[in-house]
């Protein structure tokens, strides 16, 4: 006699077996429990209990979204000989749904079923992603729960390439091409779309190679300034071993180079602004360096010599404000000196000394009558011209390389970086004092910044290899668009 019993009847039967000598042929098929569930995967445990010889041509589980099992998913485990537990698994389920499951066995055309149990597949959850910003092609990890194998990731309308999904909780992917600086980050798991509350921010900024220096040389310790549509660069040391006494001018409108005659003596480590040029060294050997004290006004048609500087100036930070010239620091003489040249009276006056020594080794820029300088410990100093006060206001988050970086302002944003042998550029919001990294400049690892300018909302940056690098490398002028995608 073959019977299919419930769990309660089974317990009674087991007790009865112990008390009777004549055994009744009994078979119990039990859908025992759910071993594991996820958004799409389930593992079920069944058991066949019998005291007779049974050979099932097939056994396994039925799974359905309705209790009538009208269109079931069948987990077929094949032939089963005798009693024992069995485990079935399915990966074809839909997340966040209720399912019904029951064990079955096929006894030569007669299909018997066990008890019915209910289960719920899990809902996908998103928790975090790292990095919070980055550039196209970089690796990203999304952390969450209950991701399925066919999970898709979208950055705005751009789909990412998923590399792997670990333990249904970590998605590894490559960031796709940017369509804008900030885009919504979506995770699509089967029929569910999950959206992170904060948008992903791309690391942006594009570089265009505009031109190369018109001579096959490398310049170091030069002066540079821009007047109107022209970018000017010259003087300094050519190829690291001789003075260069020219100034080359690149016209942005015509994209042509022309040589501008400089009627003064050669020099290196000099200063230059839009209207003034002077100082520096009169020799190339530091024993100590002989100082060049000559001082010039830059006019549209040439250079007007002014009375010599009454103090040494080597690698001084130079800037203009309200028509006056300011010189801060010097690697010859007083490193803390701060001086002002009145353009009307043509008189130099001593200002209060700076709290620490600064020079052109420190990246710096001017914004709203304030001077900002990054010191050797990455602190960002602010000097107010109007109140004659110093304070530290932030910390530069990038790499200082070997010093001599760029500082330039476009609107309410400052762009700092490109120190020697470093390609990083950071954007500082001058209202919120928040930092944002931009894309790195092209070139070789040993490149240094030779000149930098701001014009019409773009930066123009001349880069070339450090003097210690041998070989034929040009000096390249790049146009940097901080908002370029």
Protein backbone atom coordinates (compact mmCIF):
# COMPACT_ATOMS: atom_id res chain seq x y z
CA UNK A 1 0.00 0.00 0.00
CA UNK A 2 1.45 3.46 -1.00
CA UNK A 3 0.33 6.59 0.90
CA UNK A 4 1.30 10.29 0.85
CA UNK A 5 1.25 11.65 4.41
CA UNK A 6 1.40 15.04 6.09
CA UNK A 7 4.16 15.96 8.57
CA UNK A 8 1.86 15.42 11.58
CA UNK A 9 0.79 12.03 10.28
CA UNK A 10 4.47 11.23 9.69
CA UNK A 11 5.32 11.76 13.35
CA UNK A 12 2.47 9.53 14.40
CA UNK A 13 3.61 6.93 11.93
CA UNK A 14 7.16 6.95 13.25
CA UNK A 15 5.88 6.34 16.76
CA UNK A 16 3.66 3.57 15.45
CA UNK A 17 6.54 1.82 13.76
CA UNK A 18 8.21 1.41 17.10
CA UNK A 19 5.15 -0.34 18.52
CA UNK A 20 4.12 -2.69 15.74
CA UNK A 21 5.79 -5.67 14.31
CA UNK A 22 4.12 -5.51 10.89
CA UNK A 23 5.26 -2.47 8.89
CA UNK A 24 2.88 -0.68 6.58
CA UNK A 25 4.33 0.44 3.25
CA UNK A 26 4.46 4.19 3.55
CA UNK A 27 5.94 7.04 1.46
CA UNK A 28 6.11 10.68 2.51
CA UNK A 29 7.27 13.46 0.18
CA UNK A 30 8.04 16.66 2.08
CA UNK A 31 8.77 20.18 0.81
CA UNK A 32 10.90 20.98 3.85
CA UNK A 33 12.23 24.53 3.66
CA UNK A 34 13.78 27.37 1.69
CA UNK A 35 17.57 27.24 2.06
CA UNK A 36 18.34 30.48 0.24
CA UNK A 37 16.60 33.29 -1.59
CA UNK A 38 17.80 36.36 -3.46
CA UNK A 39 16.20 38.60 -6.04
CA UNK A 40 16.32 35.87 -8.74
CA UNK A 41 17.72 32.75 -7.11
CA UNK A 42 16.16 30.17 -4.78
CA UNK A 43 17.35 26.91 -3.22
CA UNK A 44 14.78 24.48 -1.87
CA UNK A 45 15.18 21.45 0.38
CA UNK A 46 12.95 18.42 -0.06
CA UNK A 47 12.89 14.96 1.52
CA UNK A 48 11.59 11.61 0.49
CA UNK A 49 10.78 9.39 3.49
CA UNK A 50 9.85 5.80 2.73
CA UNK A 51 10.18 2.31 4.15
CA UNK A 52 9.98 0.58 0.78
CA UNK A 53 11.97 0.33 -2.40
CA UNK A 54 11.18 3.27 -4.64
CA UNK A 55 12.69 4.25 -7.97
CA UNK A 56 11.48 7.64 -9.21
CA UNK A 57 12.13 8.40 -12.86
CA UNK A 58 12.27 12.10 -11.94
CA UNK A 59 11.99 14.30 -8.88
CA UNK A 60 12.40 17.95 -7.97
CA UNK A 61 10.23 21.00 -7.38
CA UNK A 62 7.43 23.01 -8.94
CA UNK A 63 7.54 26.79 -8.46
CA UNK A 64 4.76 29.13 -9.50
CA UNK A 65 3.44 32.66 -8.98
CA UNK A 66 -0.02 31.23 -8.26
CA UNK A 67 -1.14 28.54 -5.87
CA UNK A 68 -2.71 26.51 -8.66
CA UNK A 69 0.67 26.04 -10.36
CA UNK A 70 -0.86 26.84 -13.74
CA UNK A 71 2.44 27.72 -15.42
CA UNK A 72 5.12 26.37 -13.12
CA UNK A 73 8.88 26.54 -13.28
CA UNK A 74 9.98 22.92 -12.98
CA UNK A 75 13.28 22.07 -11.31
CA UNK A 76 14.03 18.57 -12.57
CA UNK A 77 16.65 16.62 -10.62
CA UNK A 78 16.30 13.33 -12.51
CA UNK A 79 16.18 9.75 -11.21
CA UNK A 80 16.02 9.12 -7.48
CA UNK A 81 16.55 5.73 -5.87
CA UNK A 82 15.37 5.37 -2.28
CA UNK A 83 14.76 7.88 0.49
CA UNK A 84 16.74 10.97 1.43
CA UNK A 85 17.01 14.74 1.10
CA UNK A 86 17.40 16.60 -2.18
CA UNK A 87 18.11 20.22 -3.09
CA UNK A 88 16.88 22.12 -6.12
CA UNK A 89 17.84 25.54 -7.39
CA UNK A 90 16.36 28.06 -9.84
CA UNK A 91 17.80 31.32 -11.15
CA UNK A 92 14.80 32.40 -13.19
CA UNK A 93 12.72 34.23 -10.61
CA UNK A 94 11.61 37.85 -10.47
CA UNK A 95 12.56 40.06 -7.56
CA UNK A 96 10.06 41.23 -4.92
CA UNK A 97 7.46 38.54 -5.70
CA UNK A 98 5.62 35.85 -3.75
CA UNK A 99 6.04 32.30 -5.08
CA UNK A 100 4.56 28.90 -4.23
CA UNK A 101 6.72 25.79 -4.21
CA UNK A 102 6.18 22.04 -3.77
CA UNK A 103 8.30 18.95 -4.19
CA UNK A 104 7.36 16.26 -6.73
CA UNK A 105 8.37 12.81 -7.87
CA UNK A 106 7.41 10.81 -10.92
CA UNK A 107 6.78 7.16 -10.16
CA UNK A 108 6.48 5.78 -13.64
CA UNK A 109 3.86 8.16 -14.91
CA UNK A 110 2.21 8.81 -11.58
CA UNK A 111 3.33 12.22 -10.28
CA UNK A 112 3.05 12.77 -6.57
CA UNK A 113 3.48 16.10 -4.79
CA UNK A 114 4.55 17.23 -1.37
CA UNK A 115 3.14 20.02 0.74
CA UNK A 116 3.03 23.60 -0.62
CA UNK A 117 5.15 26.35 0.94
CA UNK A 118 5.31 30.06 0.13
CA UNK A 119 8.40 32.20 -0.28
CA UNK A 120 9.29 35.75 -1.24
CA UNK A 121 12.15 36.81 -3.48
CA UNK A 122 14.14 39.77 -2.20
CA UNK A 123 14.06 43.36 -3.40
CA UNK A 124 17.21 44.95 -4.84
CA UNK A 125 18.75 47.73 -2.75
CA UNK A 126 21.41 50.30 -3.67
CA UNK A 127 23.64 51.69 -0.91
CA UNK A 128 26.70 53.54 -2.24
CA UNK A 129 29.14 53.97 -5.08
CA UNK A 130 32.84 54.80 -5.22
CA UNK A 131 34.43 56.93 -6.41
CA UNK A 132 31.94 59.79 -6.06
CA UNK A 133 33.46 61.38 -9.15
CA UNK A 134 35.82 60.20 -11.85
CA UNK A 135 36.61 60.12 -15.53
CA UNK A 136 35.40 57.94 -18.37
CA UNK A 137 37.15 54.58 -18.51
CA UNK A 138 37.90 54.46 -14.78
CA UNK A 139 36.75 51.62 -12.53
CA UNK A 140 33.76 52.02 -10.21
CA UNK A 141 32.14 49.84 -7.57
CA UNK A 142 28.45 49.97 -6.66
CA UNK A 143 27.47 48.40 -3.32
CA UNK A 144 24.00 47.15 -2.54
CA UNK A 145 21.98 43.97 -2.15
CA UNK A 146 20.18 41.42 -4.30
CA UNK A 147 21.55 42.35 -7.70
CA UNK A 148 20.72 39.96 -10.53
CA UNK A 149 23.05 38.72 -13.25
CA UNK A 150 21.49 40.97 -15.87
CA UNK A 151 21.68 44.15 -13.77
CA UNK A 152 22.37 47.21 -15.96
CA UNK A 153 23.95 50.53 -14.99
CA UNK A 154 23.28 53.86 -16.68
CA UNK A 155 25.12 57.17 -16.31
CA UNK A 156 22.44 59.43 -17.67
CA UNK A 157 21.67 57.81 -21.04
CA UNK A 158 25.07 56.09 -21.33
CA UNK A 159 25.17 52.42 -20.33
CA UNK A 160 28.21 51.22 -18.42
CA UNK A 161 30.16 48.06 -19.10
CA UNK A 162 29.69 45.74 -16.11
CA UNK A 163 32.85 43.74 -15.39
CA UNK A 164 31.51 41.49 -12.63
CA UNK A 165 28.94 41.17 -9.85
CA UNK A 166 30.28 39.72 -6.59
CA UNK A 167 27.96 37.95 -4.15
CA UNK A 168 24.97 39.79 -5.64
CA UNK A 169 26.10 42.87 -3.68
CA UNK A 170 29.06 44.49 -5.47
CA UNK A 171 28.96 45.60 -9.08
CA UNK A 172 32.30 46.34 -10.75
CA UNK A 173 32.07 48.45 -13.89
CA UNK A 174 33.81 50.92 -16.17
CA UNK A 175 32.55 54.48 -16.23
CA UNK A 176 31.16 55.25 -19.72
CA UNK A 177 31.75 58.36 -21.84
CA UNK A 178 30.47 61.58 -20.32
CA UNK A 179 27.48 63.41 -21.75
CA UNK A 180 27.59 66.20 -19.17
CA UNK A 181 29.51 67.00 -16.00
CA UNK A 182 26.83 65.67 -13.64
CA UNK A 183 24.47 62.81 -14.53
CA UNK A 184 21.93 60.63 -12.69
CA UNK A 185 23.23 57.17 -11.80
CA UNK A 186 20.65 54.42 -12.37
CA UNK A 187 20.73 50.74 -11.49
CA UNK A 188 18.18 48.61 -13.39
CA UNK A 189 17.49 45.21 -11.82
CA UNK A 190 15.02 43.26 -13.97
CA UNK A 191 11.83 45.35 -13.86
CA UNK A 192 13.00 47.78 -11.16
CA UNK A 193 14.88 51.05 -11.70
CA UNK A 194 16.82 52.33 -8.69
CA UNK A 195 18.19 55.90 -8.70
CA UNK A 196 20.93 57.17 -6.41
CA UNK A 197 19.92 60.41 -4.62
CA UNK A 198 23.15 62.17 -5.62
CA UNK A 199 24.26 62.47 -9.22
CA UNK A 200 27.59 61.17 -10.42
CA UNK A 201 30.07 63.92 -11.20
CA UNK A 202 32.50 63.45 -14.05
CA UNK A 203 36.08 64.60 -13.90
CA UNK A 204 36.20 66.91 -16.91
CA UNK A 205 38.42 69.39 -18.71
CA UNK A 206 39.76 69.11 -22.25
CA UNK A 207 43.10 70.04 -23.77
CA UNK A 208 43.76 71.13 -27.33
CA UNK A 209 47.28 71.36 -28.71
CA UNK A 210 47.36 74.84 -30.22
CA UNK A 211 50.95 75.27 -31.32
CA UNK A 212 54.58 74.53 -30.54
CA UNK A 213 57.28 77.01 -29.66
CA UNK A 214 58.66 78.48 -32.90
CA UNK A 215 62.26 77.50 -32.15
CA UNK A 216 63.62 73.99 -31.44
CA UNK A 217 64.81 74.92 -27.95
CA UNK A 218 63.70 74.49 -24.36
CA UNK A 219 63.34 77.51 -22.10
CA UNK A 220 63.63 77.63 -18.34
CA UNK A 221 63.23 80.39 -15.74
CA UNK A 222 61.46 82.53 -18.34
CA UNK A 223 59.04 85.44 -18.12
CA UNK A 224 55.54 85.27 -19.58
CA UNK A 225 52.58 87.62 -19.78
CA UNK A 226 49.63 88.31 -22.06
CA UNK A 227 48.54 91.63 -23.53
CA UNK A 228 45.34 91.76 -25.58
CA UNK A 229 45.20 88.70 -27.81
CA UNK A 230 48.92 87.99 -27.63
CA UNK A 231 50.75 85.54 -25.37
CA UNK A 232 54.34 86.53 -24.68
CA UNK A 233 57.17 84.33 -23.50
CA UNK A 234 60.94 84.72 -23.47
CA UNK A 235 64.21 85.56 -21.74
CA UNK A 236 65.44 82.98 -19.24
CA UNK A 237 67.79 80.10 -19.98
CA UNK A 238 67.89 78.22 -23.29
CA UNK A 239 68.46 74.45 -23.06
CA UNK A 240 69.68 74.91 -19.50
CA UNK A 241 73.06 76.39 -20.38
CA UNK A 242 72.84 79.88 -21.94
CA UNK A 243 70.80 83.07 -21.73
CA UNK A 244 67.97 83.56 -24.20
CA UNK A 245 67.44 87.24 -24.94
CA UNK A 246 64.30 87.11 -27.08
CA UNK A 247 60.59 87.41 -26.45
CA UNK A 248 58.30 85.47 -28.75
CA UNK A 249 54.67 86.53 -29.18
CA UNK A 250 51.85 84.22 -30.20
CA UNK A 251 48.74 85.93 -31.57
CA UNK A 252 45.61 83.98 -30.66
CA UNK A 253 43.59 85.65 -33.41
CA UNK A 254 45.93 84.76 -36.28
CA UNK A 255 47.59 81.71 -34.67
CA UNK A 256 51.01 83.04 -35.69
CA UNK A 257 54.30 83.65 -33.88
CA UNK A 258 56.40 86.80 -34.13
CA UNK A 259 59.54 87.94 -32.38
CA UNK A 260 59.29 91.00 -30.16
CA UNK A 261 62.54 92.91 -29.68
CA UNK A 262 63.74 93.26 -26.11
CA UNK A 263 66.31 96.04 -25.76
CA UNK A 264 67.37 95.15 -22.22
CA UNK A 265 70.02 92.83 -20.89
CA UNK A 266 69.44 89.05 -20.66
CA UNK A 267 68.23 87.57 -17.39
CA UNK A 268 66.71 84.55 -15.70
CA UNK A 269 64.38 84.23 -12.70
CA UNK A 270 62.90 87.65 -13.51
CA UNK A 271 59.34 88.85 -12.91
CA UNK A 272 56.76 89.99 -15.44
CA UNK A 273 53.17 91.24 -15.33
CA UNK A 274 50.98 92.75 -18.00
CA UNK A 275 52.74 96.12 -17.62
CA UNK A 276 56.10 95.51 -15.95
CA UNK A 277 59.23 93.37 -16.33
CA UNK A 278 62.43 93.35 -14.33
CA UNK A 279 64.85 91.88 -11.85
CA UNK A 280 66.22 88.38 -12.06
CA UNK A 281 69.83 87.28 -12.33
CA UNK A 282 72.60 88.68 -14.51
CA UNK A 283 74.50 85.38 -14.51
CA UNK A 284 73.84 81.65 -14.61
CA UNK A 285 76.06 80.50 -11.71
CA UNK A 286 74.93 80.67 -8.10
CA UNK A 287 78.14 81.89 -6.39
CA UNK A 288 75.91 83.69 -5.42
CA UNK A 289 73.82 84.77 -8.40
CA UNK A 290 74.65 88.28 -9.64
CA UNK A 291 71.43 90.30 -9.65
CA UNK A 292 70.00 92.23 -12.57
CA UNK A 293 68.38 95.38 -11.15
CA UNK A 294 67.01 96.81 -14.42
CA UNK A 295 63.28 97.49 -14.54
CA UNK A 296 60.98 98.11 -17.53
CA UNK A 297 57.52 99.31 -18.40
CA UNK A 298 55.88 97.15 -21.08
CA UNK A 299 54.33 99.37 -23.76
CA UNK A 300 52.46 98.37 -26.93
CA UNK A 301 55.47 99.32 -29.06
CA UNK A 302 58.31 98.11 -26.86
CA UNK A 303 59.93 98.37 -23.46
CA UNK A 304 60.51 101.62 -21.58
CA UNK A 305 63.35 101.45 -19.09
CA UNK A 306 62.51 102.78 -15.64
CA UNK A 307 64.87 103.56 -12.74
CA UNK A 308 66.58 100.42 -11.47
CA UNK A 309 65.09 98.43 -8.65
CA UNK A 310 66.41 99.61 -5.26
CA UNK A 311 66.48 96.00 -4.00
CA UNK A 312 67.31 92.53 -5.35
CA UNK A 313 64.50 90.52 -6.90
CA UNK A 314 64.95 86.84 -7.81
CA UNK A 315 61.91 84.60 -8.25
CA UNK A 316 59.68 87.27 -6.71
CA UNK A 317 55.90 86.90 -6.94
CA UNK A 318 54.69 89.83 -9.04
CA UNK A 319 51.11 91.01 -9.54
CA UNK A 320 49.16 94.17 -10.26
CA UNK A 321 46.14 95.60 -8.50
CA UNK A 322 44.45 98.97 -9.08
CA UNK A 323 47.22 99.90 -11.49
CA UNK A 324 50.02 99.36 -8.96
CA UNK A 325 52.74 96.71 -8.99
CA UNK A 326 53.45 94.44 -6.04
CA UNK A 327 56.54 92.28 -5.47
CA UNK A 328 56.57 89.62 -2.77
CA UNK A 329 59.63 87.70 -1.60
CA UNK A 330 62.99 87.11 -3.20
CA UNK A 331 65.51 84.30 -3.16
CA UNK A 332 68.21 86.95 -3.00
CA UNK A 333 67.97 89.54 -0.25
CA UNK A 334 65.04 89.50 2.16
CA UNK A 335 62.79 86.49 1.47
CA UNK A 336 59.93 88.05 3.49
CA UNK A 337 60.02 91.44 1.77
CA UNK A 338 56.77 92.85 0.38
CA UNK A 339 56.91 95.97 -1.78
CA UNK A 340 54.55 98.20 -3.73
CA UNK A 341 55.34 100.32 -6.78
CA UNK A 342 52.98 103.25 -7.26
CA UNK A 343 52.39 103.67 -10.97
CA UNK A 344 51.57 107.37 -10.58
CA UNK A 345 54.35 108.54 -8.24
CA UNK A 346 56.81 105.87 -9.47
CA UNK A 347 57.87 105.33 -5.86
CA UNK A 348 58.53 102.02 -4.13
CA UNK A 349 57.22 101.55 -0.60
CA UNK A 350 57.88 98.77 1.91
CA UNK A 351 54.83 96.86 3.12
CA UNK A 352 54.62 94.59 6.15
CA UNK A 353 56.62 91.42 5.72
CA UNK A 354 54.90 88.15 4.87
CA UNK A 355 54.46 85.57 7.66
CA UNK A 356 56.57 82.99 5.78
CA UNK A 357 58.84 83.09 2.74
CA UNK A 358 57.13 82.91 -0.65
CA UNK A 359 58.51 82.88 -4.21
CA UNK A 360 57.48 81.80 -7.71
CA UNK A 361 58.08 78.27 -6.47
CA UNK A 362 54.62 78.68 -4.90
CA UNK A 363 51.53 78.59 -7.11
CA UNK A 364 49.60 81.85 -6.71
CA UNK A 365 46.81 83.96 -8.22
CA UNK A 366 44.90 87.22 -7.70
CA UNK A 367 41.15 87.46 -7.10
CA UNK A 368 39.15 90.51 -6.00
CA UNK A 369 42.16 92.44 -4.62
CA UNK A 370 43.39 89.40 -2.75
CA UNK A 371 46.52 87.35 -3.30
CA UNK A 372 46.28 83.59 -2.84
CA UNK A 373 49.38 81.39 -2.44
CA UNK A 374 49.90 77.66 -1.88
CA UNK A 375 52.81 77.15 0.50
CA UNK A 376 55.19 74.19 0.75
CA UNK A 377 52.85 72.38 3.17
CA UNK A 378 49.84 72.71 0.81
CA UNK A 379 48.19 75.44 2.91
CA UNK A 380 46.33 78.06 0.90
CA UNK A 381 47.13 81.58 2.14
CA UNK A 382 45.00 84.64 1.49
CA UNK A 383 46.41 88.15 1.62
CA UNK A 384 43.99 91.08 1.54
CA UNK A 385 45.52 94.10 -0.16
CA UNK A 386 42.94 96.43 1.34
CA UNK A 387 43.33 95.31 4.96
CA UNK A 388 46.99 94.20 4.76
CA UNK A 389 46.20 90.90 6.53
CA UNK A 390 47.22 87.28 6.07
CA UNK A 391 45.33 84.09 6.89
CA UNK A 392 45.14 80.43 5.79
CA UNK A 393 41.77 79.46 4.35
CA UNK A 394 42.10 75.97 2.87
CA UNK A 395 44.45 73.12 1.98
CA UNK A 396 45.44 72.25 -1.57
CA UNK A 397 44.41 68.58 -2.06
CA UNK A 398 46.76 67.82 -4.95
CA UNK A 399 50.39 66.85 -5.40
CA UNK A 400 52.95 69.67 -5.11
CA UNK A 401 55.40 67.84 -7.34
CA UNK A 402 58.66 69.77 -7.30
CA UNK A 403 57.07 73.18 -7.00
CA UNK A 404 56.59 75.96 -9.57
CA UNK A 405 52.95 75.26 -10.29
CA UNK A 406 50.22 77.24 -12.04
CA UNK A 407 47.60 79.50 -10.51
CA UNK A 408 44.99 81.12 -12.76
CA UNK A 409 41.48 82.49 -12.32
CA UNK A 410 38.45 82.23 -14.61
CA UNK A 411 35.38 83.93 -13.20
CA UNK A 412 34.85 82.68 -9.65
CA UNK A 413 37.03 79.59 -10.09
CA UNK A 414 40.77 79.24 -9.60
CA UNK A 415 42.82 76.54 -11.35
CA UNK A 416 45.86 75.33 -9.46
CA UNK A 417 48.37 72.59 -10.18
CA UNK A 418 50.74 71.50 -12.96
CA UNK A 419 53.72 71.61 -10.64
CA UNK A 420 57.03 70.27 -11.90
CA UNK A 421 56.74 66.65 -12.96
CA UNK A 422 53.05 66.57 -12.12
CA UNK A 423 50.01 66.70 -14.42
CA UNK A 424 47.21 67.41 -11.93
CA UNK A 425 44.87 70.41 -12.18
CA UNK A 426 42.45 71.30 -9.39
CA UNK A 427 39.52 73.70 -9.54
CA UNK A 428 38.79 75.82 -6.47
CA UNK A 429 35.37 77.44 -6.11
CA UNK A 430 36.28 80.80 -4.63
CA UNK A 431 32.83 81.25 -3.10
CA UNK A 432 32.44 77.88 -1.36
CA UNK A 433 36.17 77.01 -1.13
CA UNK A 434 35.45 73.51 -2.43
CA UNK A 435 37.96 71.63 -4.59
CA UNK A 436 37.32 69.55 -7.69
CA UNK A 437 39.95 67.66 -9.66
CA UNK A 438 40.07 68.15 -13.44
CA UNK A 439 41.49 65.94 -16.16
CA UNK A 440 45.26 65.75 -16.34
CA UNK A 441 47.22 67.53 -19.05
CA UNK A 442 48.79 65.39 -21.82
CA UNK A 443 52.53 64.92 -22.01
CA UNK A 444 55.29 62.93 -20.35
CA UNK A 445 55.75 62.35 -16.63
CA UNK A 446 58.76 64.67 -16.46
CA UNK A 447 56.99 67.70 -17.98
CA UNK A 448 57.05 71.08 -16.28
CA UNK A 449 54.98 74.23 -16.75
CA UNK A 450 56.89 76.92 -18.62
CA UNK A 451 54.13 79.52 -19.00
CA UNK A 452 50.42 79.91 -18.36
CA UNK A 453 47.81 82.49 -19.31
CA UNK A 454 44.08 83.18 -19.07
CA UNK A 455 42.16 84.51 -22.05
CA UNK A 456 38.41 84.58 -22.81
CA UNK A 457 37.48 81.87 -20.34
CA UNK A 458 40.25 79.45 -21.33
CA UNK A 459 43.72 78.70 -20.01
CA UNK A 460 46.73 78.53 -22.28
CA UNK A 461 49.51 76.40 -20.85
CA UNK A 462 52.99 75.81 -22.25
CA UNK A 463 54.63 72.58 -21.12
CA UNK A 464 57.93 70.91 -21.85
CA UNK A 465 60.25 68.34 -20.28
CA UNK A 466 62.42 69.06 -17.27
CA UNK A 467 66.01 70.10 -18.00
CA UNK A 468 67.28 66.72 -16.79
CA UNK A 469 65.44 64.86 -19.58
CA UNK A 470 67.54 64.34 -22.71
CA UNK A 471 66.15 64.09 -26.20
CA UNK A 472 64.28 66.23 -28.69
CA UNK A 473 61.03 67.39 -27.11
CA UNK A 474 59.11 70.49 -28.23
CA UNK A 475 57.48 73.02 -25.94
CA UNK A 476 53.75 72.57 -26.49
CA UNK A 477 51.05 75.22 -25.98
CA UNK A 478 47.72 73.73 -24.92
CA UNK A 479 44.31 75.35 -24.71
CA UNK A 480 42.50 74.12 -21.61
CA UNK A 481 38.71 74.25 -21.38
CA UNK A 482 37.83 73.55 -17.72
CA UNK A 483 34.24 72.68 -18.69
CA UNK A 484 35.10 70.57 -21.71
CA UNK A 485 33.56 67.08 -21.81
